[in-house]
């Protein structure tokens, strides 16, 4: 009986460790992105649930923009956003890696327009 109780304790402890190994992306994130007119502020509000990532982006023209097709697994996140550019609507593909209280992002316009931009956002308290 003691062996079964010990094994149950070990299994529960292992599950708790695995759950903590993948950090929480939930919350507010902020930083700057290099742009043609100098650094531009960007702020994200993110929430992950069951591998699905939802949230919004603030800081661009047009106010707050929802993220689309968001996923979060193994500390990797991906999503798309839409914004109006000079030639009409632009879809941006975002990929990031959660590292503690920072997310290292790469963002590129869909369709091969321009080069990828890399930047880091920090968790806001």
Protein backbone atom coordinates (compact mmCIF):
# COMPACT_ATOMS: atom_id res chain seq x y z
CA UNK A 1 0.00 0.00 0.00
CA UNK A 2 2.84 2.39 0.84
CA UNK A 3 4.40 1.73 -2.55
CA UNK A 4 1.16 2.66 -4.33
CA UNK A 5 0.88 5.88 -2.33
CA UNK A 6 4.51 6.73 -3.12
CA UNK A 7 3.99 6.07 -6.84
CA UNK A 8 0.86 8.24 -6.84
CA UNK A 9 2.78 11.07 -5.16
CA UNK A 10 5.63 10.78 -7.70
CA UNK A 11 3.19 10.88 -10.63
CA UNK A 12 1.34 13.92 -9.27
CA UNK A 13 4.65 15.71 -8.64
CA UNK A 14 5.81 14.94 -12.18
CA UNK A 15 2.60 16.36 -13.66
CA UNK A 16 3.00 19.56 -11.66
CA UNK A 17 6.58 19.90 -12.91
CA UNK A 18 5.54 19.42 -16.54
CA UNK A 19 2.77 22.00 -16.15
CA UNK A 20 5.27 24.54 -14.77
CA UNK A 21 7.86 23.78 -17.48
CA UNK A 22 5.65 25.48 -20.05
CA UNK A 23 5.43 29.06 -18.89
CA UNK A 24 2.32 31.14 -18.96
CA UNK A 25 2.00 33.53 -21.88
CA UNK A 26 -1.16 35.07 -20.38
CA UNK A 27 -0.96 38.78 -19.67
CA UNK A 28 0.27 42.06 -21.13
CA UNK A 29 3.51 42.38 -23.09
CA UNK A 30 5.21 45.54 -24.36
CA UNK A 31 8.26 46.74 -26.24
CA UNK A 32 9.38 48.48 -29.41
CA UNK A 33 9.67 47.38 -33.03
CA UNK A 34 12.15 49.01 -35.41
CA UNK A 35 10.36 50.90 -38.16
CA UNK A 36 11.08 53.24 -41.04
CA UNK A 37 10.29 56.21 -38.80
CA UNK A 38 12.22 54.93 -35.78
CA UNK A 39 11.16 52.61 -32.97
CA UNK A 40 7.42 52.03 -32.73
CA UNK A 41 5.74 50.95 -29.48
CA UNK A 42 3.78 47.69 -29.52
CA UNK A 43 1.69 46.12 -26.77
CA UNK A 44 0.07 42.70 -26.75
CA UNK A 45 -2.57 41.20 -24.50
CA UNK A 46 -2.46 37.40 -24.72
CA UNK A 47 -4.35 34.42 -23.29
CA UNK A 48 -3.64 30.75 -23.99
CA UNK A 49 -6.13 27.99 -23.34
CA UNK A 50 -5.83 24.41 -24.58
CA UNK A 51 -3.24 25.30 -27.23
CA UNK A 52 -5.34 28.16 -28.61
CA UNK A 53 -3.97 31.69 -28.30
CA UNK A 54 -6.23 34.74 -28.28
CA UNK A 55 -5.63 38.41 -27.64
CA UNK A 56 -5.03 41.78 -29.23
CA UNK A 57 -2.32 44.16 -30.40
CA UNK A 58 -2.16 47.87 -29.58
CA UNK A 59 0.28 50.45 -30.85
CA UNK A 60 -0.31 50.47 -34.58
CA UNK A 61 -2.48 52.70 -36.70
CA UNK A 62 -6.17 51.99 -36.37
CA UNK A 63 -6.30 51.16 -32.68
CA UNK A 64 -6.44 47.73 -31.08
CA UNK A 65 -6.36 44.76 -33.48
CA UNK A 66 -7.37 41.17 -32.60
CA UNK A 67 -4.91 38.36 -33.24
CA UNK A 68 -6.07 35.53 -35.50
CA UNK A 69 -5.23 31.83 -35.87
CA UNK A 70 -3.22 31.88 -32.63
CA UNK A 71 -1.51 28.79 -31.23
CA UNK A 72 0.67 28.19 -28.18
CA UNK A 73 2.59 24.97 -27.45
CA UNK A 74 6.00 24.15 -25.97
CA UNK A 75 6.66 27.85 -25.27
CA UNK A 76 6.26 28.64 -29.00
CA UNK A 77 3.51 30.97 -30.18
CA UNK A 78 2.20 31.81 -33.63
CA UNK A 79 -0.54 34.11 -34.82
CA UNK A 80 -1.57 36.51 -37.56
CA UNK A 81 -2.73 40.10 -37.51
CA UNK A 82 -4.17 42.43 -40.12
CA UNK A 83 -3.47 46.12 -40.54
CA UNK A 84 -3.98 48.72 -43.22
CA UNK A 85 -0.89 49.66 -45.21
CA UNK A 86 -0.33 52.10 -48.06
CA UNK A 87 -1.43 49.49 -50.59
CA UNK A 88 -4.37 48.13 -48.60
CA UNK A 89 -4.66 45.38 -46.01
CA UNK A 90 -1.45 43.66 -44.88
CA UNK A 91 -1.40 40.32 -43.06
CA UNK A 92 1.49 39.91 -40.62
CA UNK A 93 2.70 36.49 -39.47
CA UNK A 94 4.09 36.53 -35.92
CA UNK A 95 6.19 33.75 -34.38
CA UNK A 96 7.68 33.90 -30.92
CA UNK A 97 9.48 31.98 -28.22
CA UNK A 98 8.55 32.51 -24.59
CA UNK A 99 11.63 32.78 -22.37
CA UNK A 100 10.55 33.59 -18.82
CA UNK A 101 9.30 37.19 -18.80
CA UNK A 102 10.28 37.86 -22.43
CA UNK A 103 9.02 36.79 -25.84
CA UNK A 104 11.51 36.87 -28.72
CA UNK A 105 9.41 37.61 -31.83
CA UNK A 106 9.88 37.51 -35.56
CA UNK A 107 7.24 39.23 -37.69
CA UNK A 108 6.95 39.17 -41.47
CA UNK A 109 4.32 40.31 -43.96
CA UNK A 110 2.50 37.50 -45.75
CA UNK A 111 3.24 37.16 -49.43
CA UNK A 112 6.93 37.98 -49.20
CA UNK A 113 6.52 41.73 -48.73
CA UNK A 114 9.61 43.02 -46.94
CA UNK A 115 11.98 41.29 -44.55
CA UNK A 116 11.31 39.71 -41.19
CA UNK A 117 11.61 42.05 -38.21
CA UNK A 118 12.95 40.65 -34.94
CA UNK A 119 12.23 42.17 -31.53
CA UNK A 120 11.61 41.27 -27.90
CA UNK A 121 8.59 42.11 -25.75
CA UNK A 122 8.66 42.04 -21.95
CA UNK A 123 5.93 41.02 -19.55
CA UNK A 124 4.20 44.00 -17.92
CA UNK A 125 3.37 43.82 -14.23
